[in-house]
Amino acid sequence: MANKITDMSKIRKAIKFYCNGKSKLFISKYLSLSRNTVKKYISLFEVLGLSFEIINEKTDAELELLFSHTTVESISPKLQILYDFFPKMERELKKVGVTIQHMWEQYIALNLNGYRSLQFGYHYKTWSKRVNPVMHMNHKAGDKMYVDYAGKTLSIIDKDTGEIKEVQFFVAILGASQYTYAEASMSQQKEDFVTSVENAMHFFEGTPAAIVPDNLKSAVIKSSRFEPTINETLADLAEHYQTTILPARAYKPRDKSLVEGAVKILYRRIYVNLKETKFFSLEELNQQIWDLLDGITTKFVTNFVSHCVYVSLCVS
């Protein structure tokens, strides 16, 4: 008989009880879990070396994936000290300017006989993959359109005053084909944002099943893991085009990795060609962006078709 899938909400409670000093026998009886199941997940929790707060932040799916990739094994006291250091290190690495080398220097100062920097980096990479598992996403054609703004702005010059005005760089990408659209707009305000989203759909000549924006105010009034509050203007656009809005989760960059990857490509292939040119209107700037984008798109389509022909020949 196949093993029954354990309810991760119960495992979350079991770990909480354990961290609060409850015995494994108490946890087993209170949650109606077998003692072996309680022992197994508490052992896995100890091997991971994470705090309950970090465990509690993960969804049930992430938690199940995390535990399924973790094995209980005998580790040396030296390696256990290293694992105990990693949760703090992971928090510190989110701060500006903090590097793995900097954290190794802190570690080795406290543990003179500890691991050298190369081994330290290797063990951290292994540990990080285990506690932050990545699930491969399969994108269906026409399923999602990811939208975002690039971090770097562009600029136009006012003909009358000579004033240089910063403008925003909007990017949209289709999940399955990675077909990309870009344009400049005057701001990230909801009116400009909704116009850019609509322009992207006209460019793609179709409406996706869902639009995935970042948690910017033009799209999401209040972010939430379960029921984010969508900006009314964007919600009206979605209703008009019979699509839906699925905001990326806050502080989850992997949710929008496709569009961030597209932004990096556009930085290299469009920004480089624009930085030495002066533009005196938004229309003029956008025309140049679209001309450059057309060259990228032509190359993409050629490569995509060649790949499909190659796969077809291999299959046949």
C-alpha atoms as a PDB file:
ATOM      1  CA  MET A   1       0.000   0.000   0.000  1.00  0.00           C
ATOM      2  CA  ALA A   2       1.352   3.459  -0.867  1.00  0.00           C
ATOM      3  CA  ASN A   3       2.431   5.702   1.951  1.00  0.00           C
ATOM      4  CA  LYS A   4      -0.195   8.237   2.997  1.00  0.00           C
ATOM      5  CA  ILE A   5       0.825  11.858   2.348  1.00  0.00           C
ATOM      6  CA  THR A   6       1.361  13.675   5.640  1.00  0.00           C
ATOM      7  CA  ASP A   7      -0.626  16.859   6.251  1.00  0.00           C
ATOM      8  CA  MET A   8       1.988  19.636   6.314  1.00  0.00           C
ATOM      9  CA  SER A   9      -0.226  21.823   8.521  1.00  0.00           C
ATOM     10  CA  LYS A  10       0.073  19.134  11.216  1.00  0.00           C
ATOM     11  CA  ILE A  11       3.838  18.948  10.730  1.00  0.00           C
ATOM     12  CA  ARG A  12       4.021  22.725  11.131  1.00  0.00           C
ATOM     13  CA  LYS A  13       2.141  22.421  14.442  1.00  0.00           C
ATOM     14  CA  ALA A  14       4.337  19.499  15.531  1.00  0.00           C
ATOM     15  CA  ILE A  15       7.481  21.581  14.989  1.00  0.00           C
ATOM     16  CA  LYS A  16       5.934  24.510  16.854  1.00  0.00           C
ATOM     17  CA  PHE A  17       5.071  22.274  19.826  1.00  0.00           C
ATOM     18  CA  TYR A  18       8.593  20.817  19.763  1.00  0.00           C
ATOM     19  CA  CYS A  19      10.173  24.281  19.756  1.00  0.00           C
ATOM     20  CA  ASN A  20       7.954  25.159  22.741  1.00  0.00           C
ATOM     21  CA  GLY A  21       9.338  22.221  24.713  1.00  0.00           C
ATOM     22  CA  LYS A  22       6.557  19.650  24.258  1.00  0.00           C
ATOM     23  CA  SER A  23       7.546  15.967  24.227  1.00  0.00           C
ATOM     24  CA  LYS A  24       7.275  13.816  21.118  1.00  0.00           C
ATOM     25  CA  LEU A  25       4.760  11.595  22.908  1.00  0.00           C
ATOM     26  CA  PHE A  26       2.533  14.597  23.685  1.00  0.00           C
ATOM     27  CA  ILE A  27       2.783  15.830  20.069  1.00  0.00           C
ATOM     28  CA  SER A  28       1.946  12.389  18.722  1.00  0.00           C
ATOM     29  CA  LYS A  29      -1.213  12.066  20.848  1.00  0.00           C
ATOM     30  CA  TYR A  30      -2.366  15.682  20.474  1.00  0.00           C
ATOM     31  CA  LEU A  31      -2.077  15.740  16.671  1.00  0.00           C
ATOM     32  CA  SER A  32      -3.053  12.094  16.106  1.00  0.00           C
ATOM     33  CA  LEU A  33       0.229  11.367  14.349  1.00  0.00           C
ATOM     34  CA  SER A  34       2.290   8.210  14.737  1.00  0.00           C
ATOM     35  CA  ARG A  35       5.353   8.546  16.961  1.00  0.00           C
ATOM     36  CA  ASN A  36       7.585   7.515  14.033  1.00  0.00           C
ATOM     37  CA  THR A  37       6.152  10.322  11.884  1.00  0.00           C
ATOM     38  CA  VAL A  38       6.759  12.875  14.639  1.00  0.00           C
ATOM     39  CA  LYS A  39      10.326  11.594  15.166  1.00  0.00           C
ATOM     40  CA  LYS A  40      10.999  11.668  11.419  1.00  0.00           C
ATOM     41  CA  TYR A  41       9.954  15.278  10.829  1.00  0.00           C
ATOM     42  CA  ILE A  42      11.533  16.612  13.993  1.00  0.00           C
ATOM     43  CA  SER A  43      14.806  14.917  12.974  1.00  0.00           C
ATOM     44  CA  LEU A  44      14.535  16.488   9.519  1.00  0.00           C
ATOM     45  CA  PHE A  45      13.836  19.869  11.122  1.00  0.00           C
ATOM     46  CA  GLU A  46      16.969  19.537  13.269  1.00  0.00           C
ATOM     47  CA  VAL A  47      19.103  18.550  10.287  1.00  0.00           C
ATOM     48  CA  LEU A  48      17.947  21.648   8.367  1.00  0.00           C
ATOM     49  CA  GLY A  49      18.981  23.899  11.233  1.00  0.00           C
ATOM     50  CA  LEU A  50      16.176  26.390  10.520  1.00  0.00           C
ATOM     51  CA  SER A  51      14.129  28.368  13.004  1.00  0.00           C
ATOM     52  CA  PHE A  52      10.385  27.753  13.321  1.00  0.00           C
ATOM     53  CA  GLU A  53       9.787  31.296  11.990  1.00  0.00           C
ATOM     54  CA  ILE A  54      11.436  30.379   8.671  1.00  0.00           C
ATOM     55  CA  ILE A  55       9.532  27.084   8.510  1.00  0.00           C
ATOM     56  CA  ASN A  56       6.264  28.902   9.221  1.00  0.00           C
ATOM     57  CA  GLU A  57       6.811  31.347   6.332  1.00  0.00           C
ATOM     58  CA  LYS A  58       6.807  28.525   3.779  1.00  0.00           C
ATOM     59  CA  THR A  59       3.647  27.271   2.096  1.00  0.00           C
ATOM     60  CA  ASP A  60       2.525  23.656   2.565  1.00  0.00           C
ATOM     61  CA  ALA A  61       3.799  22.804  -0.937  1.00  0.00           C
ATOM     62  CA  GLU A  62       7.197  24.375  -0.226  1.00  0.00           C
ATOM     63  CA  LEU A  63       7.374  22.594   3.118  1.00  0.00           C
ATOM     64  CA  GLU A  64       6.578  19.217   1.580  1.00  0.00           C
ATOM     65  CA  LEU A  65       9.218  19.759  -1.114  1.00  0.00           C
ATOM     66  CA  LEU A  66      11.738  20.876   1.502  1.00  0.00           C
ATOM     67  CA  PHE A  67      11.307  17.789   3.670  1.00  0.00           C
ATOM     68  CA  SER A  68      11.222  15.428   0.689  1.00  0.00           C
ATOM     69  CA  HIS A  69      14.700  16.660  -0.343  1.00  0.00           C
ATOM     70  CA  THR A  70      16.159  16.349   3.155  1.00  0.00           C
ATOM     71  CA  THR A  71      17.602  13.160   4.609  1.00  0.00           C
ATOM     72  CA  VAL A  72      18.529  12.367   8.203  1.00  0.00           C
ATOM     73  CA  GLU A  73      22.130  11.333   8.260  1.00  0.00           C
ATOM     74  CA  SER A  74      24.994  11.280  10.696  1.00  0.00           C
ATOM     75  CA  ILE A  75      27.023  14.474  10.374  1.00  0.00           C
ATOM     76  CA  SER A  76      30.196  15.519  12.147  1.00  0.00           C
ATOM     77  CA  PRO A  77      30.125  18.131  14.933  1.00  0.00           C
ATOM     78  CA  LYS A  78      32.238  20.377  12.683  1.00  0.00           C
ATOM     79  CA  LEU A  79      29.621  20.277   9.910  1.00  0.00           C
ATOM     80  CA  GLN A  80      26.785  20.716  12.415  1.00  0.00           C
ATOM     81  CA  ILE A  81      28.407  23.966  13.643  1.00  0.00           C
ATOM     82  CA  LEU A  82      28.537  25.117  10.022  1.00  0.00           C
ATOM     83  CA  TYR A  83      24.875  24.256   9.442  1.00  0.00           C
ATOM     84  CA  ASP A  84      23.921  26.130  12.608  1.00  0.00           C
ATOM     85  CA  PHE A  85      25.701  29.206  11.188  1.00  0.00           C
ATOM     86  CA  PHE A  86      23.877  29.179   7.820  1.00  0.00           C
ATOM     87  CA  PRO A  87      20.382  30.422   8.912  1.00  0.00           C
ATOM     88  CA  LYS A  88      21.931  33.600  10.341  1.00  0.00           C
ATOM     89  CA  MET A  89      24.127  33.899   7.251  1.00  0.00           C
ATOM     90  CA  GLU A  90      21.101  33.650   4.932  1.00  0.00           C
ATOM     91  CA  ARG A  91      19.450  36.592   6.720  1.00  0.00           C
ATOM     92  CA  GLU A  92      22.651  38.656   6.602  1.00  0.00           C
ATOM     93  CA  LEU A  93      23.156  38.067   2.871  1.00  0.00           C
ATOM     94  CA  LYS A  94      19.902  39.938   2.183  1.00  0.00           C
ATOM     95  CA  LYS A  95      21.550  43.132   3.452  1.00  0.00           C
ATOM     96  CA  VAL A  96      23.269  45.471   1.009  1.00  0.00           C
ATOM     97  CA  GLY A  97      27.001  44.839   0.647  1.00  0.00           C
ATOM     98  CA  VAL A  98      27.122  41.545   2.558  1.00  0.00           C
ATOM     99  CA  THR A  99      28.860  38.746   0.617  1.00  0.00           C
ATOM    100  CA  ILE A 100      29.567  35.052   1.169  1.00  0.00           C
ATOM    101  CA  GLN A 101      33.262  35.926   1.588  1.00  0.00           C
ATOM    102  CA  HIS A 102      32.378  38.440   4.292  1.00  0.00           C
ATOM    103  CA  MET A 103      30.286  35.825   6.114  1.00  0.00           C
ATOM    104  CA  TRP A 104      33.063  33.229   5.847  1.00  0.00           C
ATOM    105  CA  GLU A 105      35.433  35.666   7.537  1.00  0.00           C
ATOM    106  CA  GLN A 106      32.950  35.986  10.418  1.00  0.00           C
ATOM    107  CA  TYR A 107      32.582  32.195  10.607  1.00  0.00           C
ATOM    108  CA  ILE A 108      36.311  31.459  10.577  1.00  0.00           C
ATOM    109  CA  ALA A 109      36.944  34.100  13.242  1.00  0.00           C
ATOM    110  CA  LEU A 110      34.610  32.140  15.539  1.00  0.00           C
ATOM    111  CA  ASN A 111      35.836  28.708  14.368  1.00  0.00           C
ATOM    112  CA  LEU A 112      39.578  28.773  13.750  1.00  0.00           C
ATOM    113  CA  ASN A 113      39.616  25.102  12.705  1.00  0.00           C
ATOM    114  CA  GLY A 114      36.536  25.505  10.508  1.00  0.00           C
ATOM    115  CA  TYR A 115      36.137  24.937   6.782  1.00  0.00           C
ATOM    116  CA  ARG A 116      38.211  26.899   4.265  1.00  0.00           C
ATOM    117  CA  SER A 117      36.431  29.382   2.010  1.00  0.00           C
ATOM    118  CA  LEU A 118      35.923  27.029  -0.987  1.00  0.00           C
ATOM    119  CA  GLN A 119      34.436  24.263   1.188  1.00  0.00           C
ATOM    120  CA  PHE A 120      32.376  26.870   3.037  1.00  0.00           C
ATOM    121  CA  GLY A 121      30.877  28.108  -0.252  1.00  0.00           C
ATOM    122  CA  TYR A 122      30.200  24.551  -1.437  1.00  0.00           C
ATOM    123  CA  HIS A 123      28.390  23.550   1.776  1.00  0.00           C
ATOM    124  CA  TYR A 124      26.354  26.773   1.793  1.00  0.00           C
ATOM    125  CA  LYS A 125      25.249  26.214  -1.802  1.00  0.00           C
ATOM    126  CA  THR A 126      24.225  22.628  -0.965  1.00  0.00           C
ATOM    127  CA  TRP A 127      22.391  23.734   2.189  1.00  0.00           C
ATOM    128  CA  SER A 128      20.657  26.622   0.428  1.00  0.00           C
ATOM    129  CA  LYS A 129      19.311  24.383  -2.348  1.00  0.00           C
ATOM    130  CA  ARG A 130      17.890  22.045   0.272  1.00  0.00           C
ATOM    131  CA  VAL A 131      16.141  24.670   2.397  1.00  0.00           C
ATOM    132  CA  ASN A 132      15.023  26.800  -0.578  1.00  0.00           C
ATOM    133  CA  PRO A 133      13.902  24.192  -3.129  1.00  0.00           C
ATOM    134  CA  VAL A 134      13.006  25.359  -6.631  1.00  0.00           C
ATOM    135  CA  MET A 135      10.076  23.827  -8.468  1.00  0.00           C
ATOM    136  CA  HIS A 136      10.326  23.745 -12.271  1.00  0.00           C
ATOM    137  CA  MET A 137       7.458  25.619 -13.918  1.00  0.00           C
ATOM    138  CA  ASN A 138       5.937  24.432 -17.173  1.00  0.00           C
ATOM    139  CA  HIS A 139       4.321  27.290 -19.106  1.00  0.00           C
ATOM    140  CA  LYS A 140       1.357  26.635 -21.392  1.00  0.00           C
ATOM    141  CA  ALA A 141       0.870  28.660 -24.568  1.00  0.00           C
ATOM    142  CA  GLY A 142      -1.423  31.627 -23.951  1.00  0.00           C
ATOM    143  CA  ASP A 143      -1.501  30.953 -20.204  1.00  0.00           C
ATOM    144  CA  LYS A 144       0.314  33.896 -18.591  1.00  0.00           C
ATOM    145  CA  MET A 145       1.718  37.293 -19.533  1.00  0.00           C
ATOM    146  CA  TYR A 146       4.295  38.627 -17.036  1.00  0.00           C
ATOM    147  CA  VAL A 147       4.626  42.413 -16.738  1.00  0.00           C
ATOM    148  CA  ASP A 148       7.037  44.667 -14.840  1.00  0.00           C
ATOM    149  CA  TYR A 149       9.112  47.832 -15.019  1.00  0.00           C
ATOM    150  CA  ALA A 150      12.878  47.839 -15.475  1.00  0.00           C
ATOM    151  CA  GLY A 151      14.877  49.285 -12.608  1.00  0.00           C
ATOM    152  CA  LYS A 152      16.771  51.686 -14.884  1.00  0.00           C
ATOM    153  CA  THR A 153      14.855  54.573 -16.438  1.00  0.00           C
ATOM    154  CA  LEU A 154      15.202  56.186 -19.872  1.00  0.00           C
ATOM    155  CA  SER A 155      14.955  59.905 -20.640  1.00  0.00           C
ATOM    156  CA  ILE A 156      13.556  62.424 -23.112  1.00  0.00           C
ATOM    157  CA  ILE A 157      14.361  66.120 -23.558  1.00  0.00           C
ATOM    158  CA  ASP A 158      11.649  68.781 -23.462  1.00  0.00           C
ATOM    159  CA  LYS A 159      11.939  70.734 -26.723  1.00  0.00           C
ATOM    160  CA  ASP A 160      10.762  74.002 -25.174  1.00  0.00           C
ATOM    161  CA  THR A 161      12.706  74.057 -21.883  1.00  0.00           C
ATOM    162  CA  GLY A 162      15.577  71.653 -22.545  1.00  0.00           C
ATOM    163  CA  GLU A 163      14.642  69.827 -19.331  1.00  0.00           C
ATOM    164  CA  ILE A 164      15.591  66.158 -19.150  1.00  0.00           C
ATOM    165  CA  LYS A 165      12.660  64.030 -18.021  1.00  0.00           C
ATOM    166  CA  GLU A 166      12.991  60.484 -16.763  1.00  0.00           C
ATOM    167  CA  VAL A 167      10.580  57.965 -18.265  1.00  0.00           C
ATOM    168  CA  GLN A 168       9.781  54.400 -17.219  1.00  0.00           C
ATOM    169  CA  PHE A 169      10.631  51.256 -19.170  1.00  0.00           C
ATOM    170  CA  PHE A 170       7.751  48.735 -19.278  1.00  0.00           C
ATOM    171  CA  VAL A 171       8.349  45.076 -20.206  1.00  0.00           C
ATOM    172  CA  ALA A 172       5.884  42.237 -20.912  1.00  0.00           C
ATOM    173  CA  ILE A 173       6.734  38.622 -21.727  1.00  0.00           C
ATOM    174  CA  LEU A 174       4.691  35.528 -22.559  1.00  0.00           C
ATOM    175  CA  GLY A 175       5.475  32.561 -20.327  1.00  0.00           C
ATOM    176  CA  ALA A 176       5.566  29.751 -22.904  1.00  0.00           C
ATOM    177  CA  SER A 177       7.232  31.403 -25.926  1.00  0.00           C
ATOM    178  CA  GLN A 178       9.094  34.178 -24.039  1.00  0.00           C
ATOM    179  CA  TYR A 179       7.920  36.532 -26.781  1.00  0.00           C
ATOM    180  CA  THR A 180       8.712  40.022 -25.434  1.00  0.00           C
ATOM    181  CA  TYR A 181       7.236  43.514 -25.704  1.00  0.00           C
ATOM    182  CA  ALA A 182       8.652  46.785 -24.336  1.00  0.00           C
ATOM    183  CA  GLU A 183       7.797  50.471 -24.340  1.00  0.00           C
ATOM    184  CA  ALA A 184       8.595  53.697 -22.530  1.00  0.00           C
ATOM    185  CA  SER A 185       5.914  55.503 -20.530  1.00  0.00           C
ATOM    186  CA  MET A 186       5.843  58.733 -18.557  1.00  0.00           C
ATOM    187  CA  SER A 187       5.207  57.098 -15.177  1.00  0.00           C
ATOM    188  CA  GLN A 188       4.254  53.939 -13.279  1.00  0.00           C
ATOM    189  CA  GLN A 189       0.896  55.443 -12.316  1.00  0.00           C
ATOM    190  CA  LYS A 190      -2.159  53.263 -12.890  1.00  0.00           C
ATOM    191  CA  GLU A 191      -3.285  55.074 -16.067  1.00  0.00           C
ATOM    192  CA  ASP A 192       0.115  54.633 -17.760  1.00  0.00           C
ATOM    193  CA  PHE A 193       0.472  51.101 -16.421  1.00  0.00           C
ATOM    194  CA  VAL A 194      -2.926  49.946 -17.684  1.00  0.00           C
ATOM    195  CA  THR A 195      -2.260  51.564 -21.081  1.00  0.00           C
ATOM    196  CA  SER A 196       1.061  49.706 -21.337  1.00  0.00           C
ATOM    197  CA  VAL A 197      -0.586  46.382 -20.418  1.00  0.00           C
ATOM    198  CA  GLU A 198      -3.239  46.966 -23.096  1.00  0.00           C
ATOM    199  CA  ASN A 199      -0.579  47.919 -25.666  1.00  0.00           C
ATOM    200  CA  ALA A 200       1.253  44.670 -24.885  1.00  0.00           C
ATOM    201  CA  MET A 201      -1.873  42.602 -25.570  1.00  0.00           C
ATOM    202  CA  HIS A 202      -2.403  44.437 -28.868  1.00  0.00           C
ATOM    203  CA  PHE A 203       1.232  43.690 -29.761  1.00  0.00           C
ATOM    204  CA  PHE A 204       0.794  39.983 -28.937  1.00  0.00           C
ATOM    205  CA  GLU A 205      -2.538  40.026 -30.808  1.00  0.00           C
ATOM    206  CA  GLY A 206      -4.310  38.123 -28.082  1.00  0.00           C
ATOM    207  CA  THR A 207      -5.373  37.998 -24.446  1.00  0.00           C
ATOM    208  CA  PRO A 208      -3.584  35.679 -21.991  1.00  0.00           C
ATOM    209  CA  ALA A 209      -5.528  33.587 -19.493  1.00  0.00           C
ATOM    210  CA  ALA A 210      -3.798  35.576 -16.723  1.00  0.00           C
ATOM    211  CA  ILE A 211      -1.678  38.702 -16.316  1.00  0.00           C
ATOM    212  CA  VAL A 212       1.074  38.449 -13.677  1.00  0.00           C
ATOM    213  CA  PRO A 213       2.259  41.860 -12.405  1.00  0.00           C
ATOM    214  CA  ASP A 214       4.667  42.645  -9.592  1.00  0.00           C
ATOM    215  CA  ASN A 215       3.211  44.096  -6.388  1.00  0.00           C
ATOM    216  CA  LEU A 216       3.481  47.734  -7.526  1.00  0.00           C
ATOM    217  CA  LYS A 217       0.704  50.094  -6.378  1.00  0.00           C
ATOM    218  CA  SER A 218      -0.564  50.545  -9.935  1.00  0.00           C
ATOM    219  CA  ALA A 219      -1.542  46.867  -9.927  1.00  0.00           C
ATOM    220  CA  VAL A 220      -2.019  45.800  -6.312  1.00  0.00           C
ATOM    221  CA  ILE A 221      -3.470  48.053  -3.608  1.00  0.00           C
ATOM    222  CA  LYS A 222      -2.856  45.526  -0.826  1.00  0.00           C
ATOM    223  CA  SER A 223      -0.640  42.460  -1.260  1.00  0.00           C
ATOM    224  CA  SER A 224      -1.652  39.141   0.278  1.00  0.00           C
ATOM    225  CA  ARG A 225      -0.641  35.529  -0.252  1.00  0.00           C
ATOM    226  CA  PHE A 226      -4.265  34.452  -0.685  1.00  0.00           C
ATOM    227  CA  GLU A 227      -6.477  37.439  -1.652  1.00  0.00           C
ATOM    228  CA  PRO A 228      -4.530  40.481  -2.872  1.00  0.00           C
ATOM    229  CA  THR A 229      -6.585  43.627  -3.521  1.00  0.00           C
ATOM    230  CA  ILE A 230      -6.282  44.529  -7.217  1.00  0.00           C
ATOM    231  CA  ASN A 231      -6.360  48.130  -8.395  1.00  0.00           C
ATOM    232  CA  GLU A 232      -9.875  48.873  -9.653  1.00  0.00           C
ATOM    233  CA  THR A 233      -8.730  50.229 -13.032  1.00  0.00           C
ATOM    234  CA  LEU A 234      -6.636  47.119 -13.712  1.00  0.00           C
ATOM    235  CA  ALA A 235      -9.496  44.889 -12.529  1.00  0.00           C
ATOM    236  CA  ASP A 236     -11.827  46.645 -14.989  1.00  0.00           C
ATOM    237  CA  LEU A 237      -9.343  46.050 -17.816  1.00  0.00           C
ATOM    238  CA  ALA A 238      -9.126  42.348 -16.888  1.00  0.00           C
ATOM    239  CA  GLU A 239     -12.925  42.073 -16.876  1.00  0.00           C
ATOM    240  CA  HIS A 240     -13.173  43.828 -20.238  1.00  0.00           C
ATOM    241  CA  TYR A 241     -10.653  41.470 -21.858  1.00  0.00           C
ATOM    242  CA  GLN A 242     -12.010  38.420 -19.990  1.00  0.00           C
ATOM    243  CA  THR A 243      -8.722  37.618 -18.294  1.00  0.00           C
ATOM    244  CA  THR A 244      -7.591  37.574 -14.662  1.00  0.00           C
ATOM    245  CA  ILE A 245      -4.873  39.229 -12.556  1.00  0.00           C
ATOM    246  CA  LEU A 246      -2.502  36.958 -10.589  1.00  0.00           C
ATOM    247  CA  PRO A 247       0.049  39.153  -8.755  1.00  0.00           C
ATOM    248  CA  ALA A 248       3.452  37.653  -8.030  1.00  0.00           C
ATOM    249  CA  ARG A 249       3.927  36.874  -4.336  1.00  0.00           C
ATOM    250  CA  ALA A 250       5.676  39.603  -2.367  1.00  0.00           C
ATOM    251  CA  TYR A 251       9.382  38.882  -1.743  1.00  0.00           C
ATOM    252  CA  LYS A 252       9.293  35.906  -4.126  1.00  0.00           C
ATOM    253  CA  PRO A 253      11.567  36.974  -7.049  1.00  0.00           C
ATOM    254  CA  ARG A 254      11.360  33.518  -8.620  1.00  0.00           C
ATOM    255  CA  ASP A 255       7.679  34.146  -9.366  1.00  0.00           C
ATOM    256  CA  LYS A 256       8.680  36.778 -11.910  1.00  0.00           C
ATOM    257  CA  SER A 257      12.055  35.408 -13.008  1.00  0.00           C
ATOM    258  CA  LEU A 258      10.974  35.325 -16.674  1.00  0.00           C
ATOM    259  CA  VAL A 259      10.287  39.044 -16.908  1.00  0.00           C
ATOM    260  CA  GLU A 260      13.425  39.893 -14.929  1.00  0.00           C
ATOM    261  CA  GLY A 261      15.393  37.756 -17.381  1.00  0.00           C
ATOM    262  CA  ALA A 262      13.793  39.641 -20.272  1.00  0.00           C
ATOM    263  CA  VAL A 263      14.764  42.944 -18.658  1.00  0.00           C
ATOM    264  CA  LYS A 264      18.419  41.834 -18.521  1.00  0.00           C
ATOM    265  CA  ILE A 265      18.355  40.956 -22.222  1.00  0.00           C
ATOM    266  CA  LEU A 266      16.778  44.303 -23.107  1.00  0.00           C
ATOM    267  CA  TYR A 267      19.403  46.121 -21.026  1.00  0.00           C
ATOM    268  CA  ARG A 268      22.105  44.549 -23.189  1.00  0.00           C
ATOM    269  CA  ARG A 269      20.399  44.896 -26.556  1.00  0.00           C
ATOM    270  CA  ILE A 270      18.311  48.055 -26.284  1.00  0.00           C
ATOM    271  CA  TYR A 271      19.746  50.277 -23.537  1.00  0.00           C
ATOM    272  CA  VAL A 272      23.218  50.111 -25.077  1.00  0.00           C
ATOM    273  CA  ASN A 273      21.844  51.456 -28.367  1.00  0.00           C
ATOM    274  CA  LEU A 274      19.813  54.224 -26.718  1.00  0.00           C
ATOM    275  CA  LYS A 275      22.212  55.730 -24.194  1.00  0.00           C
ATOM    276  CA  GLU A 276      24.108  57.883 -26.711  1.00  0.00           C
ATOM    277  CA  THR A 277      20.982  59.139 -28.508  1.00  0.00           C
ATOM    278  CA  LYS A 278      18.869  62.174 -27.566  1.00  0.00           C
ATOM    279  CA  PHE A 279      15.100  61.856 -27.842  1.00  0.00           C
ATOM    280  CA  PHE A 280      12.681  64.793 -27.784  1.00  0.00           C
ATOM    281  CA  SER A 281       9.380  62.933 -27.421  1.00  0.00           C
ATOM    282  CA  LEU A 282       7.993  59.720 -26.006  1.00  0.00           C
ATOM    283  CA  GLU A 283       6.790  58.695 -29.471  1.00  0.00           C
ATOM    284  CA  GLU A 284      10.289  59.125 -30.920  1.00  0.00           C
ATOM    285  CA  LEU A 285      11.842  57.058 -28.101  1.00  0.00           C
ATOM    286  CA  ASN A 286       9.255  54.300 -28.420  1.00  0.00           C
ATOM    287  CA  GLN A 287       9.715  54.067 -32.176  1.00  0.00           C
ATOM    288  CA  GLN A 288      13.423  53.444 -31.628  1.00  0.00           C
ATOM    289  CA  ILE A 289      12.668  50.840 -28.911  1.00  0.00           C
ATOM    290  CA  TRP A 290      10.241  49.016 -31.212  1.00  0.00           C
ATOM    291  CA  ASP A 291      12.729  49.051 -34.118  1.00  0.00           C
ATOM    292  CA  LEU A 292      15.372  47.470 -31.880  1.00  0.00           C
ATOM    293  CA  LEU A 293      12.824  45.081 -30.406  1.00  0.00           C
ATOM    294  CA  ASP A 294      11.818  44.010 -33.911  1.00  0.00           C
ATOM    295  CA  GLY A 295      15.400  42.895 -34.563  1.00  0.00           C
ATOM    296  CA  ILE A 296      15.447  40.886 -31.324  1.00  0.00           C
ATOM    297  CA  THR A 297      12.056  39.344 -32.140  1.00  0.00           C
ATOM    298  CA  THR A 298      13.162  38.337 -35.665  1.00  0.00           C
ATOM    299  CA  LYS A 299      16.230  36.595 -34.265  1.00  0.00           C
ATOM    300  CA  PHE A 300      14.111  34.914 -31.555  1.00  0.00           C
ATOM    301  CA  VAL A 301      11.539  33.602 -34.056  1.00  0.00           C
ATOM    302  CA  THR A 302      14.296  32.262 -36.334  1.00  0.00           C
ATOM    303  CA  ASN A 303      15.973  30.426 -33.435  1.00  0.00           C
ATOM    304  CA  PHE A 304      12.622  29.152 -32.116  1.00  0.00           C
ATOM    305  CA  VAL A 305      11.589  27.746 -35.515  1.00  0.00           C
ATOM    306  CA  SER A 306      15.031  26.143 -35.991  1.00  0.00           C
ATOM    307  CA  HIS A 307      14.722  24.522 -32.562  1.00  0.00           C
ATOM    308  CA  CYS A 308      11.230  23.177 -33.369  1.00  0.00           C
ATOM    309  CA  VAL A 309      12.486  21.722 -36.692  1.00  0.00           C
ATOM    310  CA  TYR A 310      15.446  20.105 -34.901  1.00  0.00           C
ATOM    311  CA  VAL A 311      13.197  18.579 -32.216  1.00  0.00           C
ATOM    312  CA  SER A 312      10.781  17.356 -34.883  1.00  0.00           C
ATOM    313  CA  LEU A 313      13.607  15.647 -36.828  1.00  0.00           C
ATOM    314  CA  CYS A 314      14.940  14.054 -33.616  1.00  0.00           C
ATOM    315  CA  VAL A 315      11.498  12.705 -32.698  1.00  0.00           C
ATOM    316  CA  SER A 316      10.808  11.367 -36.173  1.00  0.00           C
END
